[in-house]
Amino acid sequence: MKKLILYLFLMLVVATPLHGQRVTRSFNDVSMSEALKWLNEQGGEYNISFLYNDLEDFRVTTSVKNKSVPDAIQQLIGFYPIKMTVQGKDIAVECPQKTSTRCKGTVIDETGHPLPYATIALLNPADSTLLTGGVSNESGRFVIPTEAYRVIV
């Protein structure tokens, strides 16, 4: 009888998938910095490092459901020009395009509703050549680092 109980216990342990910390939360128009700060404060197995001011302009609206911390961060990043590096249990999040200016706004449709995942092009006003571009997030917001002070959006 003891062997049977031990066998069943071992089968249960082996059959149970091993998952790290899982997170669930809805973010509604919060800064990327605040979202990352919340994830880091969950006291899980990961240590998240980022420069608060570098990510403050990026706004997040999304629902994370039962995801690992790296997957949750990737969902928060979406199409923003933000990079995540994972080394063991250390996660670094940064905006690799270090510029003093950023073009930011919200794309809306003709009824005034936010337009998610819209492609935004920044054009040179002198000749309409493409300077750079980006994609709006789930709430239609975008932030595009650029060196140009005048652009056509």
N, C-alpha and C. Protein backbone atom coordinates (compact mmCIF):
# COMPACT_ATOMS: atom_id res chain seq x y z
N MET A 1 0.82 -1.19 0.00
CA MET A 1 0.00 0.00 0.00
C MET A 1 0.88 1.26 0.00
N LYS A 2 1.96 1.24 0.80
CA LYS A 2 2.86 2.39 0.85
C LYS A 2 3.51 2.62 -0.51
N LYS A 3 3.87 1.52 -1.19
CA LYS A 3 4.48 1.64 -2.51
C LYS A 3 3.50 2.25 -3.50
N LEU A 4 2.24 1.88 -3.41
CA LEU A 4 1.23 2.42 -4.31
C LEU A 4 1.05 3.92 -4.08
N ILE A 5 0.99 4.33 -2.82
CA ILE A 5 0.85 5.75 -2.50
C ILE A 5 2.08 6.52 -2.97
N LEU A 6 3.26 5.97 -2.73
CA LEU A 6 4.50 6.61 -3.18
C LEU A 6 4.52 6.71 -4.71
N TYR A 7 4.10 5.65 -5.39
CA TYR A 7 4.05 5.65 -6.85
C TYR A 7 3.08 6.72 -7.35
N LEU A 8 1.89 6.80 -6.77
CA LEU A 8 0.90 7.81 -7.18
C LEU A 8 1.42 9.22 -6.91
N PHE A 9 2.08 9.41 -5.78
CA PHE A 9 2.65 10.72 -5.46
C PHE A 9 3.70 11.12 -6.48
N LEU A 10 4.60 10.20 -6.82
CA LEU A 10 5.64 10.49 -7.81
C LEU A 10 5.04 10.78 -9.17
N MET A 11 4.01 10.05 -9.56
CA MET A 11 3.35 10.31 -10.84
C MET A 11 2.72 11.70 -10.85
N LEU A 12 2.13 12.10 -9.74
CA LEU A 12 1.53 13.42 -9.64
C LEU A 12 2.59 14.51 -9.75
N VAL A 13 3.71 14.34 -9.08
CA VAL A 13 4.78 15.32 -9.13
C VAL A 13 5.36 15.42 -10.54
N VAL A 14 5.58 14.29 -11.18
CA VAL A 14 6.14 14.28 -12.53
C VAL A 14 5.14 14.86 -13.53
N ALA A 15 3.87 14.58 -13.36
CA ALA A 15 2.85 15.03 -14.30
C ALA A 15 2.51 16.51 -14.12
N THR A 16 2.81 17.08 -12.97
CA THR A 16 2.49 18.48 -12.72
C THR A 16 3.52 19.35 -13.42
N PRO A 17 3.06 20.23 -14.35
CA PRO A 17 4.02 21.09 -15.04
C PRO A 17 4.62 22.11 -14.08
N LEU A 18 5.88 22.39 -14.30
CA LEU A 18 6.57 23.37 -13.47
C LEU A 18 6.48 24.73 -14.14
N HIS A 19 5.80 25.65 -13.50
CA HIS A 19 5.65 27.00 -14.03
C HIS A 19 6.30 27.98 -13.08
N GLY A 20 6.90 29.01 -13.65
CA GLY A 20 7.41 30.10 -12.83
C GLY A 20 6.25 30.99 -12.44
N GLN A 21 6.59 32.15 -11.97
CA GLN A 21 5.59 33.11 -11.56
C GLN A 21 4.70 33.48 -12.75
N ARG A 22 3.38 33.49 -12.53
CA ARG A 22 2.41 33.87 -13.55
C ARG A 22 1.71 35.14 -13.07
N VAL A 23 1.43 36.04 -14.01
CA VAL A 23 0.79 37.29 -13.64
C VAL A 23 -0.46 37.52 -14.47
N THR A 24 -1.42 38.19 -13.85
CA THR A 24 -2.67 38.59 -14.51
C THR A 24 -3.00 39.99 -14.04
N ARG A 25 -3.24 40.88 -14.99
CA ARG A 25 -3.62 42.26 -14.64
C ARG A 25 -4.03 43.01 -15.89
N SER A 26 -4.98 43.91 -15.73
CA SER A 26 -5.36 44.81 -16.81
C SER A 26 -4.70 46.15 -16.58
N PHE A 27 -4.10 46.68 -17.62
CA PHE A 27 -3.46 47.99 -17.58
C PHE A 27 -4.26 48.91 -18.49
N ASN A 28 -4.68 50.06 -17.97
CA ASN A 28 -5.47 51.00 -18.75
C ASN A 28 -4.80 52.36 -18.75
N ASP A 29 -4.11 52.68 -19.83
CA ASP A 29 -3.46 53.97 -20.02
C ASP A 29 -2.49 54.32 -18.88
N VAL A 30 -1.63 53.36 -18.55
CA VAL A 30 -0.58 53.61 -17.55
C VAL A 30 0.76 53.69 -18.27
N SER A 31 1.71 54.35 -17.68
CA SER A 31 3.03 54.45 -18.30
C SER A 31 3.71 53.08 -18.25
N MET A 32 4.57 52.85 -19.23
CA MET A 32 5.34 51.61 -19.27
C MET A 32 6.14 51.47 -17.97
N SER A 33 6.67 52.58 -17.48
CA SER A 33 7.45 52.56 -16.24
C SER A 33 6.61 52.05 -15.07
N GLU A 34 5.38 52.53 -14.95
CA GLU A 34 4.51 52.09 -13.86
C GLU A 34 4.15 50.61 -14.00
N ALA A 35 3.90 50.16 -15.23
CA ALA A 35 3.57 48.75 -15.45
C ALA A 35 4.75 47.85 -15.08
N LEU A 36 5.96 48.25 -15.49
CA LEU A 36 7.15 47.46 -15.15
C LEU A 36 7.42 47.48 -13.65
N LYS A 37 7.20 48.61 -13.03
CA LYS A 37 7.37 48.73 -11.59
C LYS A 37 6.42 47.77 -10.87
N TRP A 38 5.17 47.71 -11.32
CA TRP A 38 4.20 46.79 -10.72
C TRP A 38 4.66 45.35 -10.87
N LEU A 39 5.10 44.97 -12.08
CA LEU A 39 5.57 43.61 -12.30
C LEU A 39 6.75 43.28 -11.39
N ASN A 40 7.66 44.22 -11.23
CA ASN A 40 8.84 43.99 -10.38
C ASN A 40 8.45 43.85 -8.91
N GLU A 41 7.42 44.56 -8.49
CA GLU A 41 6.99 44.52 -7.08
C GLU A 41 6.23 43.25 -6.71
N GLN A 42 5.91 42.43 -7.69
CA GLN A 42 5.17 41.21 -7.40
C GLN A 42 6.01 40.22 -6.59
N GLY A 43 7.30 40.53 -6.43
CA GLY A 43 8.14 39.71 -5.56
C GLY A 43 8.44 38.34 -6.13
N GLY A 44 8.35 38.23 -7.41
CA GLY A 44 8.61 36.93 -8.05
C GLY A 44 10.08 36.65 -8.22
N GLU A 45 10.35 35.75 -9.12
CA GLU A 45 11.70 35.27 -9.33
C GLU A 45 12.55 36.18 -10.21
N TYR A 46 11.94 37.18 -10.85
CA TYR A 46 12.67 38.05 -11.78
C TYR A 46 12.98 39.40 -11.17
N ASN A 47 14.11 39.97 -11.59
CA ASN A 47 14.49 41.31 -11.22
C ASN A 47 14.48 42.16 -12.50
N ILE A 48 13.57 43.13 -12.56
CA ILE A 48 13.39 43.94 -13.76
C ILE A 48 14.11 45.27 -13.59
N SER A 49 15.00 45.59 -14.53
CA SER A 49 15.74 46.85 -14.50
C SER A 49 15.35 47.70 -15.70
N PHE A 50 15.16 49.00 -15.47
CA PHE A 50 14.84 49.93 -16.54
C PHE A 50 15.08 51.35 -16.05
N LEU A 51 15.25 52.27 -17.00
CA LEU A 51 15.37 53.68 -16.66
C LEU A 51 13.98 54.29 -16.71
N TYR A 52 13.51 54.72 -15.57
CA TYR A 52 12.14 55.21 -15.43
C TYR A 52 11.81 56.29 -16.47
N ASN A 53 12.65 57.31 -16.59
CA ASN A 53 12.36 58.42 -17.49
C ASN A 53 12.39 58.03 -18.96
N ASP A 54 13.19 57.03 -19.33
CA ASP A 54 13.26 56.59 -20.73
C ASP A 54 11.95 55.98 -21.21
N LEU A 55 11.18 55.39 -20.31
CA LEU A 55 9.97 54.67 -20.70
C LEU A 55 8.69 55.38 -20.28
N GLU A 56 8.80 56.52 -19.66
CA GLU A 56 7.63 57.22 -19.12
C GLU A 56 6.65 57.66 -20.21
N ASP A 57 7.13 58.02 -21.40
CA ASP A 57 6.24 58.48 -22.48
C ASP A 57 5.42 57.35 -23.10
N PHE A 58 5.86 56.12 -22.95
CA PHE A 58 5.16 55.00 -23.56
C PHE A 58 4.00 54.58 -22.66
N ARG A 59 2.78 54.62 -23.20
CA ARG A 59 1.57 54.30 -22.44
C ARG A 59 1.09 52.90 -22.80
N VAL A 60 0.50 52.21 -21.82
CA VAL A 60 0.11 50.82 -21.99
C VAL A 60 -1.37 50.65 -21.68
N THR A 61 -2.08 49.98 -22.58
CA THR A 61 -3.46 49.56 -22.37
C THR A 61 -3.57 48.14 -22.90
N THR A 62 -3.61 47.18 -22.00
CA THR A 62 -3.70 45.77 -22.39
C THR A 62 -4.09 44.94 -21.17
N SER A 63 -4.56 43.73 -21.43
CA SER A 63 -4.88 42.78 -20.35
C SER A 63 -3.94 41.59 -20.45
N VAL A 64 -3.16 41.41 -19.42
CA VAL A 64 -2.23 40.28 -19.33
C VAL A 64 -2.94 39.20 -18.53
N LYS A 65 -2.99 37.99 -19.08
CA LYS A 65 -3.71 36.92 -18.41
C LYS A 65 -2.83 35.69 -18.26
N ASN A 66 -2.48 35.37 -17.03
CA ASN A 66 -1.75 34.15 -16.67
C ASN A 66 -0.50 33.94 -17.53
N LYS A 67 0.33 34.97 -17.60
CA LYS A 67 1.56 34.89 -18.40
C LYS A 67 2.77 34.93 -17.49
N SER A 68 3.86 34.39 -18.00
CA SER A 68 5.13 34.52 -17.29
C SER A 68 5.54 35.98 -17.34
N VAL A 69 6.43 36.39 -16.46
CA VAL A 69 6.86 37.79 -16.42
C VAL A 69 7.48 38.22 -17.76
N PRO A 70 8.41 37.44 -18.35
CA PRO A 70 8.94 37.86 -19.65
C PRO A 70 7.86 37.98 -20.74
N ASP A 71 6.91 37.05 -20.77
CA ASP A 71 5.83 37.12 -21.75
C ASP A 71 4.93 38.32 -21.50
N ALA A 72 4.69 38.64 -20.23
CA ALA A 72 3.89 39.81 -19.90
C ALA A 72 4.58 41.09 -20.37
N ILE A 73 5.89 41.18 -20.14
CA ILE A 73 6.64 42.35 -20.59
C ILE A 73 6.59 42.46 -22.10
N GLN A 74 6.76 41.35 -22.79
CA GLN A 74 6.70 41.37 -24.26
C GLN A 74 5.34 41.86 -24.73
N GLN A 75 4.27 41.46 -24.05
CA GLN A 75 2.93 41.94 -24.41
C GLN A 75 2.81 43.44 -24.16
N LEU A 76 3.37 43.92 -23.05
CA LEU A 76 3.34 45.36 -22.75
C LEU A 76 4.10 46.15 -23.81
N ILE A 77 5.22 45.63 -24.25
CA ILE A 77 6.05 46.32 -25.25
C ILE A 77 5.29 46.43 -26.57
N GLY A 78 4.64 45.36 -26.98
CA GLY A 78 3.89 45.39 -28.23
C GLY A 78 4.77 45.83 -29.39
N PHE A 79 4.33 46.88 -30.10
CA PHE A 79 5.07 47.39 -31.25
C PHE A 79 5.94 48.60 -30.91
N TYR A 80 6.01 48.95 -29.64
CA TYR A 80 6.85 50.08 -29.25
C TYR A 80 8.33 49.78 -29.55
N PRO A 81 9.12 50.82 -29.81
CA PRO A 81 10.56 50.59 -30.05
C PRO A 81 11.30 50.39 -28.74
N ILE A 82 10.97 49.31 -28.07
CA ILE A 82 11.54 48.97 -26.77
C ILE A 82 12.12 47.57 -26.86
N LYS A 83 13.25 47.38 -26.20
CA LYS A 83 13.97 46.11 -26.25
C LYS A 83 14.00 45.49 -24.85
N MET A 84 13.80 44.17 -24.81
CA MET A 84 13.90 43.43 -23.55
C MET A 84 15.01 42.41 -23.68
N THR A 85 15.87 42.35 -22.67
CA THR A 85 16.95 41.37 -22.63
C THR A 85 16.79 40.55 -21.36
N VAL A 86 16.78 39.23 -21.49
CA VAL A 86 16.65 38.35 -20.34
C VAL A 86 17.95 37.56 -20.18
N GLN A 87 18.56 37.67 -19.00
CA GLN A 87 19.74 36.88 -18.66
C GLN A 87 19.47 36.21 -17.33
N GLY A 88 19.12 34.94 -17.41
CA GLY A 88 18.75 34.22 -16.20
C GLY A 88 17.48 34.80 -15.62
N LYS A 89 17.56 35.31 -14.41
CA LYS A 89 16.40 35.90 -13.74
C LYS A 89 16.43 37.43 -13.78
N ASP A 90 17.40 38.00 -14.51
CA ASP A 90 17.50 39.45 -14.65
C ASP A 90 16.93 39.87 -16.01
N ILE A 91 16.03 40.85 -15.97
CA ILE A 91 15.42 41.36 -17.19
C ILE A 91 15.74 42.85 -17.29
N ALA A 92 16.29 43.26 -18.43
CA ALA A 92 16.56 44.67 -18.69
C ALA A 92 15.62 45.14 -19.80
N VAL A 93 14.97 46.27 -19.58
CA VAL A 93 14.05 46.84 -20.56
C VAL A 93 14.54 48.24 -20.88
N GLU A 94 14.67 48.54 -22.19
CA GLU A 94 15.18 49.85 -22.57
C GLU A 94 14.64 50.27 -23.93
N CYS A 95 14.70 51.56 -24.17
CA CYS A 95 14.41 52.12 -25.49
C CYS A 95 15.76 52.36 -26.14
N PRO A 96 16.16 51.52 -27.11
CA PRO A 96 17.50 51.65 -27.68
C PRO A 96 17.68 52.90 -28.54
N GLN A 97 16.58 53.50 -28.97
CA GLN A 97 16.67 54.72 -29.78
C GLN A 97 16.70 55.92 -28.84
N LYS A 98 17.89 56.29 -28.42
CA LYS A 98 18.06 57.40 -27.47
C LYS A 98 18.06 58.72 -28.24
N THR A 99 16.95 59.41 -28.22
CA THR A 99 16.85 60.71 -28.86
C THR A 99 16.27 61.69 -27.88
N SER A 100 16.56 62.97 -28.10
CA SER A 100 16.03 63.99 -27.20
C SER A 100 14.57 64.32 -27.52
N THR A 101 14.12 63.99 -28.73
CA THR A 101 12.74 64.28 -29.11
C THR A 101 12.00 63.01 -29.49
N ARG A 102 10.71 63.06 -29.29
CA ARG A 102 9.84 61.94 -29.65
C ARG A 102 8.55 62.51 -30.22
N CYS A 103 8.06 61.89 -31.26
CA CYS A 103 6.76 62.24 -31.81
C CYS A 103 5.76 61.29 -31.16
N LYS A 104 4.77 61.84 -30.48
CA LYS A 104 3.80 60.97 -29.82
C LYS A 104 2.39 61.51 -30.04
N GLY A 105 1.44 60.61 -30.02
CA GLY A 105 0.05 60.99 -30.22
C GLY A 105 -0.86 59.79 -30.17
N THR A 106 -2.10 60.00 -30.59
CA THR A 106 -3.10 58.96 -30.63
C THR A 106 -3.76 58.97 -32.00
N VAL A 107 -3.90 57.81 -32.61
CA VAL A 107 -4.58 57.68 -33.89
C VAL A 107 -6.04 57.34 -33.60
N ILE A 108 -6.95 58.13 -34.20
CA ILE A 108 -8.38 57.89 -34.01
C ILE A 108 -9.05 57.74 -35.37
N ASP A 109 -10.18 57.05 -35.37
CA ASP A 109 -10.93 56.90 -36.61
C ASP A 109 -11.90 58.08 -36.77
N GLU A 110 -12.72 58.04 -37.82
CA GLU A 110 -13.62 59.16 -38.11
C GLU A 110 -14.70 59.36 -37.06
N THR A 111 -14.93 58.36 -36.20
CA THR A 111 -15.92 58.50 -35.13
C THR A 111 -15.27 58.91 -33.80
N GLY A 112 -13.95 59.08 -33.81
CA GLY A 112 -13.25 59.50 -32.60
C GLY A 112 -12.77 58.36 -31.72
N HIS A 113 -12.90 57.12 -32.18
CA HIS A 113 -12.44 55.97 -31.41
C HIS A 113 -10.97 55.68 -31.72
N PRO A 114 -10.20 55.24 -30.71
CA PRO A 114 -8.78 54.92 -30.94
C PRO A 114 -8.63 53.82 -31.98
N LEU A 115 -7.60 53.93 -32.78
CA LEU A 115 -7.33 52.97 -33.85
C LEU A 115 -6.09 52.15 -33.47
N PRO A 116 -6.27 50.91 -33.02
CA PRO A 116 -5.12 50.09 -32.63
C PRO A 116 -4.35 49.58 -33.84
N TYR A 117 -3.05 49.42 -33.66
CA TYR A 117 -2.15 48.80 -34.63
C TYR A 117 -2.11 49.53 -35.98
N ALA A 118 -2.26 50.85 -35.94
CA ALA A 118 -2.15 51.65 -37.16
C ALA A 118 -0.68 51.92 -37.44
N THR A 119 -0.31 51.95 -38.71
CA THR A 119 1.06 52.27 -39.11
C THR A 119 1.20 53.78 -39.20
N ILE A 120 2.23 54.31 -38.55
CA ILE A 120 2.49 55.75 -38.55
C ILE A 120 3.81 55.99 -39.27
N ALA A 121 3.81 56.91 -40.21
CA ALA A 121 5.02 57.27 -40.94
C ALA A 121 5.38 58.71 -40.61
N LEU A 122 6.65 58.96 -40.31
CA LEU A 122 7.15 60.32 -40.12
C LEU A 122 7.90 60.70 -41.39
N LEU A 123 7.44 61.75 -42.04
CA LEU A 123 8.00 62.18 -43.31
C LEU A 123 8.73 63.51 -43.17
N ASN A 124 9.74 63.70 -43.98
CA ASN A 124 10.48 64.96 -44.05
C ASN A 124 9.57 66.01 -44.71
N PRO A 125 9.31 67.15 -44.07
CA PRO A 125 8.42 68.14 -44.66
C PRO A 125 8.96 68.77 -45.96
N ALA A 126 10.27 68.72 -46.16
CA ALA A 126 10.85 69.33 -47.36
C ALA A 126 10.55 68.53 -48.63
N ASP A 127 10.63 67.18 -48.53
CA ASP A 127 10.46 66.39 -49.75
C ASP A 127 9.59 65.13 -49.55
N SER A 128 8.98 64.99 -48.38
CA SER A 128 8.08 63.87 -48.05
C SER A 128 8.77 62.51 -48.06
N THR A 129 10.09 62.48 -47.89
CA THR A 129 10.77 61.19 -47.77
C THR A 129 10.55 60.62 -46.37
N LEU A 130 10.55 59.31 -46.30
CA LEU A 130 10.31 58.62 -45.03
C LEU A 130 11.51 58.80 -44.10
N LEU A 131 11.26 59.31 -42.90
CA LEU A 131 12.31 59.44 -41.88
C LEU A 131 12.35 58.21 -41.00
N THR A 132 11.20 57.83 -40.48
CA THR A 132 11.06 56.67 -39.61
C THR A 132 9.57 56.38 -39.46
N GLY A 133 9.24 55.40 -38.66
CA GLY A 133 7.84 55.06 -38.47
C GLY A 133 7.62 54.25 -37.22
N GLY A 134 6.37 53.87 -37.03
CA GLY A 134 6.01 53.08 -35.87
C GLY A 134 4.60 52.54 -36.02
N VAL A 135 4.10 51.92 -34.95
CA VAL A 135 2.76 51.33 -34.95
C VAL A 135 2.08 51.74 -33.64
N SER A 136 0.79 52.07 -33.72
CA SER A 136 0.06 52.43 -32.51
C SER A 136 -0.21 51.18 -31.68
N ASN A 137 -0.41 51.38 -30.37
CA ASN A 137 -0.68 50.25 -29.49
C ASN A 137 -2.18 49.95 -29.46
N GLU A 138 -2.61 49.12 -28.51
CA GLU A 138 -4.01 48.71 -28.44
C GLU A 138 -4.97 49.88 -28.23
N SER A 139 -4.49 50.97 -27.62
CA SER A 139 -5.35 52.13 -27.39
C SER A 139 -5.10 53.24 -28.40
N GLY A 140 -4.43 52.92 -29.51
CA GLY A 140 -4.20 53.90 -30.57
C GLY A 140 -3.04 54.83 -30.32
N ARG A 141 -2.36 54.71 -29.19
CA ARG A 141 -1.24 55.60 -28.86
C ARG A 141 0.04 55.16 -29.54
N PHE A 142 0.89 56.14 -29.85
CA PHE A 142 2.21 55.83 -30.41
C PHE A 142 3.23 56.80 -29.87
N VAL A 143 4.47 56.33 -29.80
CA VAL A 143 5.63 57.13 -29.44
C VAL A 143 6.74 56.70 -30.38
N ILE A 144 7.27 57.67 -31.15
CA ILE A 144 8.31 57.36 -32.11
C ILE A 144 9.51 58.27 -31.85
N PRO A 145 10.61 57.71 -31.38
CA PRO A 145 11.81 58.53 -31.20
C PRO A 145 12.31 59.03 -32.56
N THR A 146 12.69 60.32 -32.60
CA THR A 146 13.19 60.90 -33.84
C THR A 146 14.10 62.07 -33.52
N GLU A 147 15.05 62.32 -34.38
CA GLU A 147 15.94 63.47 -34.24
C GLU A 147 15.32 64.73 -34.87
N ALA A 148 14.33 64.54 -35.73
CA ALA A 148 13.72 65.66 -36.44
C ALA A 148 12.77 66.44 -35.52
N TYR A 149 12.78 67.75 -35.67
CA TYR A 149 11.88 68.60 -34.88
C TYR A 149 10.61 68.92 -35.64
N ARG A 150 10.66 68.85 -36.97
CA ARG A 150 9.47 69.08 -37.80
C ARG A 150 9.30 67.86 -38.68
N VAL A 151 8.10 67.31 -38.68
CA VAL A 151 7.78 66.14 -39.49
C VAL A 151 6.34 66.24 -39.99
N ILE A 152 6.06 65.49 -41.01
CA ILE A 152 4.68 65.25 -41.44
C ILE A 152 4.33 63.86 -40.91
N VAL A 153 3.22 63.74 -40.18
CA VAL A 153 2.81 62.45 -39.60
C VAL A 153 1.70 61.88 -40.45
